[in-house]
Amino acid sequence: MQSKLPVQKATPPRVQDPSTAPLPEVASRLRLAVMRLSRRLRQHASVGITQSQLSALATIVVEERITLSRLAEAERVQPPSITRVVDTLVSQGFATRTQSEEDRRVAWVAATDTGRALIETVRRQRDAYLAQRLRTFSPEDRVVLARAAVLLERLTEDPR
């Protein structure tokens, strides 16, 4: 009979004063928290397409019309990968692809009404989940999280 070992959580130990925590520990805790929150958000808005497809569609919606090469750059993937993603979005009716009349090597992608509606639905569901969770925090903690949101946005601006 095998003895069961206790399961250890992946959460780093909590530090009493976060301002004195070593940067590697802060980075580790931040990474883990962001990954877990991202997973929770995905679970609260399952829509039948992959995260890669949803991300690309969201970029297309924001840009309104974008070339395949620019979309690949925005999504930080290789052109063949974005072509496969867009092929699926087009086949499911979420996007359209048209060749440029000026340069036949260029393909433009735009969201359909169905694609825009899907992105809006996902955003509403995820925002509602977060708003519900934020209601459980004190006003002071919500101020801290609002400031953290600004800082997290700055982290995503790092080019590589």
N, C-alpha and C. Protein backbone atom coordinates (compact mmCIF):
# COMPACT_ATOMS: atom_id res chain seq x y z
N MET A 1 0.83 -1.17 0.00
CA MET A 1 0.00 0.00 0.00
C MET A 1 0.88 1.25 0.00
N GLN A 2 0.59 2.16 -0.93
CA GLN A 2 1.38 3.37 -1.03
C GLN A 2 0.87 4.42 -0.07
N SER A 3 1.81 5.10 0.55
CA SER A 3 1.39 6.20 1.41
C SER A 3 1.22 7.45 0.56
N LYS A 4 0.21 8.21 0.86
CA LYS A 4 -0.04 9.43 0.10
C LYS A 4 0.73 10.58 0.72
N LEU A 5 1.47 11.25 -0.14
CA LEU A 5 2.21 12.42 0.32
C LEU A 5 1.29 13.62 0.30
N PRO A 6 1.48 14.55 1.22
CA PRO A 6 0.65 15.74 1.20
C PRO A 6 0.90 16.55 -0.07
N VAL A 7 -0.18 17.08 -0.62
CA VAL A 7 -0.09 17.89 -1.82
C VAL A 7 0.35 19.29 -1.43
N GLN A 8 1.37 19.79 -2.11
CA GLN A 8 1.86 21.12 -1.82
C GLN A 8 1.28 22.10 -2.82
N LYS A 9 0.83 23.23 -2.33
CA LYS A 9 0.30 24.26 -3.20
C LYS A 9 1.44 24.98 -3.89
N ALA A 10 1.14 25.50 -5.08
CA ALA A 10 2.16 26.21 -5.86
C ALA A 10 2.28 27.67 -5.44
N THR A 11 1.49 28.09 -4.47
CA THR A 11 1.52 29.48 -4.05
C THR A 11 2.77 29.76 -3.22
N PRO A 12 3.53 30.78 -3.60
CA PRO A 12 4.69 31.15 -2.80
C PRO A 12 4.25 31.62 -1.42
N PRO A 13 5.12 31.53 -0.42
CA PRO A 13 4.73 31.96 0.92
C PRO A 13 4.37 33.44 0.93
N ARG A 14 3.41 33.78 1.76
CA ARG A 14 2.97 35.17 1.87
C ARG A 14 3.98 35.97 2.69
N VAL A 15 4.21 37.17 2.25
CA VAL A 15 5.12 38.08 2.94
C VAL A 15 4.27 39.09 3.70
N GLN A 16 4.60 39.36 4.94
CA GLN A 16 3.83 40.30 5.75
C GLN A 16 3.82 41.70 5.13
N ASP A 17 4.97 42.19 4.71
CA ASP A 17 5.08 43.52 4.13
C ASP A 17 5.51 43.38 2.68
N PRO A 18 4.55 43.48 1.73
CA PRO A 18 4.91 43.30 0.32
C PRO A 18 5.98 44.27 -0.17
N SER A 19 6.11 45.42 0.47
CA SER A 19 7.10 46.40 0.00
C SER A 19 8.53 45.93 0.24
N THR A 20 8.72 44.95 1.12
CA THR A 20 10.07 44.44 1.39
C THR A 20 10.34 43.10 0.73
N ALA A 21 9.37 42.59 -0.04
CA ALA A 21 9.54 41.29 -0.68
C ALA A 21 10.61 41.37 -1.77
N PRO A 22 11.43 40.35 -1.89
CA PRO A 22 12.42 40.34 -2.97
C PRO A 22 11.71 40.31 -4.34
N LEU A 23 12.28 40.99 -5.33
CA LEU A 23 11.66 41.07 -6.66
C LEU A 23 11.35 39.70 -7.28
N PRO A 24 12.24 38.71 -7.16
CA PRO A 24 11.89 37.40 -7.74
C PRO A 24 10.62 36.81 -7.11
N GLU A 25 10.43 37.03 -5.82
CA GLU A 25 9.22 36.52 -5.16
C GLU A 25 7.99 37.27 -5.65
N VAL A 26 8.11 38.58 -5.78
CA VAL A 26 7.00 39.39 -6.29
C VAL A 26 6.66 38.94 -7.71
N ALA A 27 7.68 38.74 -8.53
CA ALA A 27 7.46 38.30 -9.91
C ALA A 27 6.75 36.95 -9.94
N SER A 28 7.17 36.04 -9.09
CA SER A 28 6.57 34.72 -9.05
C SER A 28 5.11 34.78 -8.62
N ARG A 29 4.82 35.53 -7.58
CA ARG A 29 3.44 35.65 -7.11
C ARG A 29 2.56 36.34 -8.13
N LEU A 30 3.09 37.37 -8.77
CA LEU A 30 2.34 38.10 -9.78
C LEU A 30 2.03 37.19 -10.97
N ARG A 31 3.03 36.46 -11.44
CA ARG A 31 2.84 35.54 -12.56
C ARG A 31 1.76 34.51 -12.25
N LEU A 32 1.83 33.93 -11.08
CA LEU A 32 0.86 32.91 -10.69
C LEU A 32 -0.54 33.50 -10.58
N ALA A 33 -0.66 34.67 -9.98
CA ALA A 33 -1.97 35.30 -9.83
C ALA A 33 -2.57 35.66 -11.19
N VAL A 34 -1.76 36.20 -12.08
CA VAL A 34 -2.24 36.57 -13.42
C VAL A 34 -2.69 35.32 -14.18
N MET A 35 -1.91 34.26 -14.10
CA MET A 35 -2.27 33.02 -14.80
C MET A 35 -3.58 32.45 -14.26
N ARG A 36 -3.73 32.45 -12.95
CA ARG A 36 -4.96 31.90 -12.36
C ARG A 36 -6.16 32.76 -12.70
N LEU A 37 -6.00 34.07 -12.65
CA LEU A 37 -7.11 34.95 -13.00
C LEU A 37 -7.47 34.77 -14.47
N SER A 38 -6.49 34.66 -15.32
CA SER A 38 -6.74 34.44 -16.74
C SER A 38 -7.52 33.15 -16.96
N ARG A 39 -7.14 32.10 -16.28
CA ARG A 39 -7.84 30.82 -16.39
C ARG A 39 -9.28 30.96 -15.93
N ARG A 40 -9.49 31.64 -14.80
CA ARG A 40 -10.85 31.84 -14.31
C ARG A 40 -11.71 32.62 -15.31
N LEU A 41 -11.14 33.65 -15.89
CA LEU A 41 -11.88 34.45 -16.87
C LEU A 41 -12.24 33.61 -18.09
N ARG A 42 -11.32 32.78 -18.54
CA ARG A 42 -11.63 31.89 -19.67
C ARG A 42 -12.77 30.94 -19.32
N GLN A 43 -12.78 30.45 -18.10
CA GLN A 43 -13.82 29.52 -17.69
C GLN A 43 -15.19 30.19 -17.60
N HIS A 44 -15.22 31.49 -17.35
CA HIS A 44 -16.48 32.20 -17.19
C HIS A 44 -17.01 32.77 -18.50
N ALA A 45 -16.39 32.43 -19.60
CA ALA A 45 -16.89 32.88 -20.89
C ALA A 45 -16.45 31.91 -21.98
N SER A 46 -16.83 30.66 -21.81
CA SER A 46 -16.48 29.65 -22.79
C SER A 46 -17.38 29.84 -24.01
N VAL A 47 -16.77 29.97 -25.19
CA VAL A 47 -17.55 30.32 -26.37
C VAL A 47 -17.37 29.36 -27.54
N GLY A 48 -16.64 28.29 -27.37
CA GLY A 48 -16.51 27.32 -28.43
C GLY A 48 -15.41 27.60 -29.45
N ILE A 49 -14.57 28.61 -29.20
CA ILE A 49 -13.39 28.81 -30.04
C ILE A 49 -12.19 28.90 -29.12
N THR A 50 -11.04 28.70 -29.68
CA THR A 50 -9.82 28.68 -28.86
C THR A 50 -9.47 30.08 -28.38
N GLN A 51 -8.61 30.14 -27.39
CA GLN A 51 -8.14 31.43 -26.88
C GLN A 51 -7.38 32.20 -27.96
N SER A 52 -6.61 31.49 -28.78
CA SER A 52 -5.88 32.15 -29.87
C SER A 52 -6.85 32.78 -30.85
N GLN A 53 -7.90 32.06 -31.18
CA GLN A 53 -8.90 32.59 -32.11
C GLN A 53 -9.64 33.78 -31.49
N LEU A 54 -9.98 33.66 -30.21
CA LEU A 54 -10.69 34.74 -29.52
C LEU A 54 -9.81 35.98 -29.42
N SER A 55 -8.54 35.79 -29.11
CA SER A 55 -7.62 36.91 -29.02
C SER A 55 -7.47 37.62 -30.37
N ALA A 56 -7.30 36.84 -31.43
CA ALA A 56 -7.17 37.43 -32.76
C ALA A 56 -8.45 38.16 -33.15
N LEU A 57 -9.59 37.57 -32.86
CA LEU A 57 -10.87 38.21 -33.18
C LEU A 57 -11.03 39.52 -32.42
N ALA A 58 -10.62 39.53 -31.15
CA ALA A 58 -10.69 40.77 -30.37
C ALA A 58 -9.81 41.86 -30.98
N THR A 59 -8.64 41.48 -31.44
CA THR A 59 -7.75 42.45 -32.11
C THR A 59 -8.39 42.96 -33.39
N ILE A 60 -8.98 42.07 -34.15
CA ILE A 60 -9.65 42.46 -35.40
C ILE A 60 -10.79 43.43 -35.09
N VAL A 61 -11.56 43.15 -34.06
CA VAL A 61 -12.68 44.03 -33.69
C VAL A 61 -12.17 45.41 -33.32
N VAL A 62 -11.11 45.48 -32.52
CA VAL A 62 -10.56 46.77 -32.10
C VAL A 62 -10.03 47.54 -33.31
N GLU A 63 -9.32 46.86 -34.19
CA GLU A 63 -8.71 47.52 -35.34
C GLU A 63 -9.71 47.82 -36.45
N GLU A 64 -10.84 47.14 -36.45
CA GLU A 64 -11.89 47.23 -37.46
C GLU A 64 -11.51 46.56 -38.78
N ARG A 65 -10.32 46.83 -39.25
CA ARG A 65 -9.81 46.23 -40.49
C ARG A 65 -8.29 46.18 -40.34
N ILE A 66 -7.72 45.00 -40.58
CA ILE A 66 -6.30 44.82 -40.34
C ILE A 66 -5.73 43.82 -41.34
N THR A 67 -4.48 44.02 -41.73
CA THR A 67 -3.86 43.05 -42.64
C THR A 67 -3.45 41.81 -41.86
N LEU A 68 -3.31 40.71 -42.58
CA LEU A 68 -2.87 39.47 -41.93
C LEU A 68 -1.50 39.65 -41.29
N SER A 69 -0.59 40.33 -41.98
CA SER A 69 0.76 40.49 -41.42
C SER A 69 0.73 41.35 -40.15
N ARG A 70 -0.07 42.39 -40.15
CA ARG A 70 -0.18 43.24 -38.95
C ARG A 70 -0.85 42.48 -37.81
N LEU A 71 -1.84 41.65 -38.13
CA LEU A 71 -2.51 40.83 -37.11
C LEU A 71 -1.52 39.83 -36.50
N ALA A 72 -0.70 39.21 -37.34
CA ALA A 72 0.32 38.27 -36.83
C ALA A 72 1.27 39.00 -35.89
N GLU A 73 1.66 40.20 -36.27
CA GLU A 73 2.55 41.00 -35.42
C GLU A 73 1.87 41.36 -34.10
N ALA A 74 0.62 41.79 -34.17
CA ALA A 74 -0.12 42.17 -32.96
C ALA A 74 -0.31 40.99 -32.01
N GLU A 75 -0.52 39.81 -32.58
CA GLU A 75 -0.73 38.61 -31.77
C GLU A 75 0.57 37.91 -31.41
N ARG A 76 1.68 38.42 -31.98
CA ARG A 76 3.02 37.86 -31.72
C ARG A 76 3.12 36.39 -32.12
N VAL A 77 2.62 36.13 -33.33
CA VAL A 77 2.73 34.78 -33.89
C VAL A 77 3.27 34.89 -35.31
N GLN A 78 3.67 33.78 -35.87
CA GLN A 78 4.17 33.74 -37.24
C GLN A 78 3.00 33.83 -38.23
N PRO A 79 3.22 34.40 -39.41
CA PRO A 79 2.15 34.51 -40.41
C PRO A 79 1.40 33.21 -40.71
N PRO A 80 2.09 32.06 -40.86
CA PRO A 80 1.32 30.83 -41.12
C PRO A 80 0.34 30.49 -39.99
N SER A 81 0.73 30.80 -38.75
CA SER A 81 -0.16 30.53 -37.61
C SER A 81 -1.39 31.41 -37.67
N ILE A 82 -1.20 32.70 -37.97
CA ILE A 82 -2.35 33.61 -38.00
C ILE A 82 -3.25 33.28 -39.18
N THR A 83 -2.66 32.79 -40.26
CA THR A 83 -3.47 32.38 -41.41
C THR A 83 -4.42 31.26 -41.02
N ARG A 84 -3.93 30.28 -40.27
CA ARG A 84 -4.79 29.18 -39.82
C ARG A 84 -5.89 29.68 -38.89
N VAL A 85 -5.53 30.60 -37.98
CA VAL A 85 -6.52 31.16 -37.06
C VAL A 85 -7.60 31.89 -37.84
N VAL A 86 -7.19 32.73 -38.78
CA VAL A 86 -8.15 33.51 -39.58
C VAL A 86 -9.00 32.58 -40.45
N ASP A 87 -8.40 31.53 -41.00
CA ASP A 87 -9.17 30.56 -41.79
C ASP A 87 -10.35 30.03 -40.96
N THR A 88 -10.08 29.70 -39.72
CA THR A 88 -11.13 29.18 -38.84
C THR A 88 -12.17 30.25 -38.54
N LEU A 89 -11.72 31.47 -38.24
CA LEU A 89 -12.66 32.56 -37.95
C LEU A 89 -13.56 32.83 -39.16
N VAL A 90 -12.99 32.79 -40.34
CA VAL A 90 -13.77 33.01 -41.56
C VAL A 90 -14.76 31.87 -41.77
N SER A 91 -14.30 30.63 -41.60
CA SER A 91 -15.19 29.48 -41.82
C SER A 91 -16.34 29.44 -40.81
N GLN A 92 -16.12 30.01 -39.61
CA GLN A 92 -17.18 30.03 -38.60
C GLN A 92 -18.05 31.28 -38.68
N GLY A 93 -17.74 32.16 -39.62
CA GLY A 93 -18.57 33.34 -39.83
C GLY A 93 -18.27 34.50 -38.90
N PHE A 94 -17.10 34.47 -38.23
CA PHE A 94 -16.74 35.55 -37.31
C PHE A 94 -15.93 36.66 -37.97
N ALA A 95 -15.36 36.37 -39.14
CA ALA A 95 -14.51 37.36 -39.83
C ALA A 95 -14.63 37.16 -41.33
N THR A 96 -14.20 38.20 -42.06
CA THR A 96 -14.09 38.13 -43.52
C THR A 96 -12.66 38.44 -43.90
N ARG A 97 -12.24 37.89 -45.05
CA ARG A 97 -10.90 38.17 -45.56
C ARG A 97 -11.05 38.59 -47.01
N THR A 98 -10.40 39.71 -47.35
CA THR A 98 -10.44 40.19 -48.73
C THR A 98 -9.03 40.56 -49.17
N GLN A 99 -8.76 40.33 -50.45
CA GLN A 99 -7.45 40.70 -50.99
C GLN A 99 -7.45 42.18 -51.30
N SER A 100 -6.31 42.80 -51.07
CA SER A 100 -6.14 44.21 -51.39
C SER A 100 -6.20 44.39 -52.90
N GLU A 101 -6.91 45.42 -53.34
CA GLU A 101 -6.96 45.70 -54.78
C GLU A 101 -5.66 46.34 -55.25
N GLU A 102 -4.96 47.02 -54.34
CA GLU A 102 -3.70 47.68 -54.70
C GLU A 102 -2.53 46.71 -54.74
N ASP A 103 -2.53 45.74 -53.84
CA ASP A 103 -1.42 44.80 -53.73
C ASP A 103 -2.00 43.42 -53.43
N ARG A 104 -2.01 42.55 -54.43
CA ARG A 104 -2.64 41.23 -54.29
C ARG A 104 -1.96 40.35 -53.25
N ARG A 105 -0.77 40.73 -52.78
CA ARG A 105 -0.10 39.95 -51.74
C ARG A 105 -0.66 40.25 -50.35
N VAL A 106 -1.44 41.33 -50.26
CA VAL A 106 -1.96 41.78 -48.96
C VAL A 106 -3.41 41.31 -48.81
N ALA A 107 -3.69 40.73 -47.65
CA ALA A 107 -5.06 40.32 -47.32
C ALA A 107 -5.54 41.12 -46.12
N TRP A 108 -6.75 41.64 -46.23
CA TRP A 108 -7.36 42.40 -45.14
C TRP A 108 -8.36 41.51 -44.41
N VAL A 109 -8.43 41.67 -43.10
CA VAL A 109 -9.37 40.91 -42.28
C VAL A 109 -10.26 41.90 -41.53
N ALA A 110 -11.55 41.59 -41.47
CA ALA A 110 -12.50 42.41 -40.71
C ALA A 110 -13.46 41.48 -39.98
N ALA A 111 -13.99 41.94 -38.88
CA ALA A 111 -14.96 41.15 -38.12
C ALA A 111 -16.34 41.28 -38.75
N THR A 112 -17.10 40.22 -38.68
CA THR A 112 -18.49 40.27 -39.10
C THR A 112 -19.33 40.75 -37.91
N ASP A 113 -20.59 41.02 -38.13
CA ASP A 113 -21.48 41.38 -37.02
C ASP A 113 -21.50 40.27 -35.98
N THR A 114 -21.48 39.03 -36.44
CA THR A 114 -21.46 37.88 -35.52
C THR A 114 -20.18 37.87 -34.69
N GLY A 115 -19.05 38.17 -35.31
CA GLY A 115 -17.78 38.22 -34.59
C GLY A 115 -17.75 39.34 -33.56
N ARG A 116 -18.25 40.51 -33.95
CA ARG A 116 -18.30 41.63 -33.00
C ARG A 116 -19.23 41.30 -31.83
N ALA A 117 -20.35 40.66 -32.12
CA ALA A 117 -21.29 40.29 -31.05
C ALA A 117 -20.67 39.27 -30.10
N LEU A 118 -19.90 38.33 -30.64
CA LEU A 118 -19.24 37.34 -29.79
C LEU A 118 -18.26 38.02 -28.84
N ILE A 119 -17.44 38.92 -29.37
CA ILE A 119 -16.47 39.61 -28.52
C ILE A 119 -17.18 40.43 -27.45
N GLU A 120 -18.25 41.10 -27.80
CA GLU A 120 -19.00 41.89 -26.82
C GLU A 120 -19.60 40.99 -25.73
N THR A 121 -20.12 39.85 -26.11
CA THR A 121 -20.69 38.90 -25.14
C THR A 121 -19.62 38.41 -24.18
N VAL A 122 -18.47 38.03 -24.72
CA VAL A 122 -17.37 37.53 -23.87
C VAL A 122 -16.92 38.64 -22.92
N ARG A 123 -16.76 39.84 -23.42
CA ARG A 123 -16.34 40.96 -22.57
C ARG A 123 -17.34 41.21 -21.45
N ARG A 124 -18.62 41.20 -21.79
CA ARG A 124 -19.66 41.43 -20.76
C ARG A 124 -19.61 40.34 -19.69
N GLN A 125 -19.48 39.08 -20.11
CA GLN A 125 -19.45 37.98 -19.16
C GLN A 125 -18.23 38.07 -18.25
N ARG A 126 -17.08 38.36 -18.82
CA ARG A 126 -15.86 38.44 -18.02
C ARG A 126 -15.87 39.67 -17.11
N ASP A 127 -16.36 40.79 -17.62
CA ASP A 127 -16.46 41.99 -16.78
C ASP A 127 -17.43 41.77 -15.62
N ALA A 128 -18.54 41.08 -15.89
CA ALA A 128 -19.53 40.80 -14.83
C ALA A 128 -18.92 39.91 -13.76
N TYR A 129 -18.15 38.91 -14.17
CA TYR A 129 -17.49 38.04 -13.20
C TYR A 129 -16.53 38.85 -12.33
N LEU A 130 -15.70 39.68 -12.97
CA LEU A 130 -14.74 40.48 -12.20
C LEU A 130 -15.45 41.48 -11.29
N ALA A 131 -16.49 42.13 -11.78
CA ALA A 131 -17.23 43.09 -10.96
C ALA A 131 -17.83 42.40 -9.73
N GLN A 132 -18.35 41.20 -9.94
CA GLN A 132 -18.90 40.43 -8.81
C GLN A 132 -17.82 40.14 -7.78
N ARG A 133 -16.65 39.74 -8.24
CA ARG A 133 -15.55 39.45 -7.31
C ARG A 133 -15.07 40.73 -6.62
N LEU A 134 -14.99 41.84 -7.37
CA LEU A 134 -14.52 43.11 -6.79
C LEU A 134 -15.45 43.61 -5.68
N ARG A 135 -16.72 43.28 -5.78
CA ARG A 135 -17.67 43.71 -4.73
C ARG A 135 -17.32 43.11 -3.37
N THR A 136 -16.54 42.02 -3.36
CA THR A 136 -16.19 41.38 -2.09
C THR A 136 -14.99 42.06 -1.43
N PHE A 137 -14.36 43.02 -2.11
CA PHE A 137 -13.21 43.73 -1.59
C PHE A 137 -13.63 45.04 -0.94
N SER A 138 -12.83 45.50 -0.01
CA SER A 138 -13.09 46.78 0.64
C SER A 138 -12.85 47.91 -0.37
N PRO A 139 -13.41 49.09 -0.12
CA PRO A 139 -13.15 50.23 -1.01
C PRO A 139 -11.65 50.53 -1.13
N GLU A 140 -10.92 50.37 -0.04
CA GLU A 140 -9.48 50.62 -0.08
C GLU A 140 -8.77 49.63 -1.00
N ASP A 141 -9.17 48.35 -0.90
CA ASP A 141 -8.57 47.34 -1.76
C ASP A 141 -8.93 47.57 -3.22
N ARG A 142 -10.13 48.04 -3.49
CA ARG A 142 -10.52 48.33 -4.88
C ARG A 142 -9.68 49.47 -5.45
N VAL A 143 -9.33 50.46 -4.62
CA VAL A 143 -8.44 51.53 -5.08
C VAL A 143 -7.07 50.96 -5.44
N VAL A 144 -6.57 50.07 -4.59
CA VAL A 144 -5.28 49.44 -4.87
C VAL A 144 -5.34 48.64 -6.17
N LEU A 145 -6.44 47.90 -6.37
CA LEU A 145 -6.57 47.11 -7.59
C LEU A 145 -6.71 48.00 -8.83
N ALA A 146 -7.37 49.14 -8.70
CA ALA A 146 -7.47 50.07 -9.82
C ALA A 146 -6.07 50.56 -10.20
N ARG A 147 -5.26 50.87 -9.23
CA ARG A 147 -3.88 51.30 -9.49
C ARG A 147 -3.07 50.14 -10.08
N ALA A 148 -3.29 48.94 -9.56
CA ALA A 148 -2.59 47.77 -10.08
C ALA A 148 -2.95 47.52 -11.54
N ALA A 149 -4.21 47.77 -11.92
CA ALA A 149 -4.62 47.59 -13.32
C ALA A 149 -3.80 48.47 -14.24
N VAL A 150 -3.55 49.71 -13.82
CA VAL A 150 -2.73 50.64 -14.62
C VAL A 150 -1.31 50.08 -14.75
N LEU A 151 -0.78 49.58 -13.66
CA LEU A 151 0.59 49.04 -13.68
C LEU A 151 0.67 47.77 -14.53
N LEU A 152 -0.33 46.93 -14.45
CA LEU A 152 -0.35 45.72 -15.27
C LEU A 152 -0.43 46.08 -16.76
N GLU A 153 -1.18 47.11 -17.09
CA GLU A 153 -1.24 47.56 -18.48
C GLU A 153 0.15 47.99 -18.94
N ARG A 154 0.89 48.66 -18.06
CA ARG A 154 2.26 49.06 -18.42
C ARG A 154 3.14 47.84 -18.65
N LEU A 155 2.95 46.78 -17.87
CA LEU A 155 3.73 45.57 -18.07
C LEU A 155 3.48 44.97 -19.46
N THR A 156 2.26 45.07 -19.94
CA THR A 156 1.95 44.48 -21.26
C THR A 156 2.52 45.31 -22.40
N GLU A 157 2.93 46.54 -22.14
CA GLU A 157 3.49 47.39 -23.18
C GLU A 157 4.92 47.05 -23.52
N ASP A 158 5.57 46.24 -22.72
CA ASP A 158 6.95 45.83 -22.99
C ASP A 158 6.98 45.14 -24.35
N PRO A 159 7.79 45.62 -25.27
CA PRO A 159 7.76 45.08 -26.63
C PRO A 159 8.16 43.62 -26.75
N ARG A 160 8.92 43.09 -25.88
CA ARG A 160 9.32 41.68 -25.98
C ARG A 160 9.48 41.15 -24.62
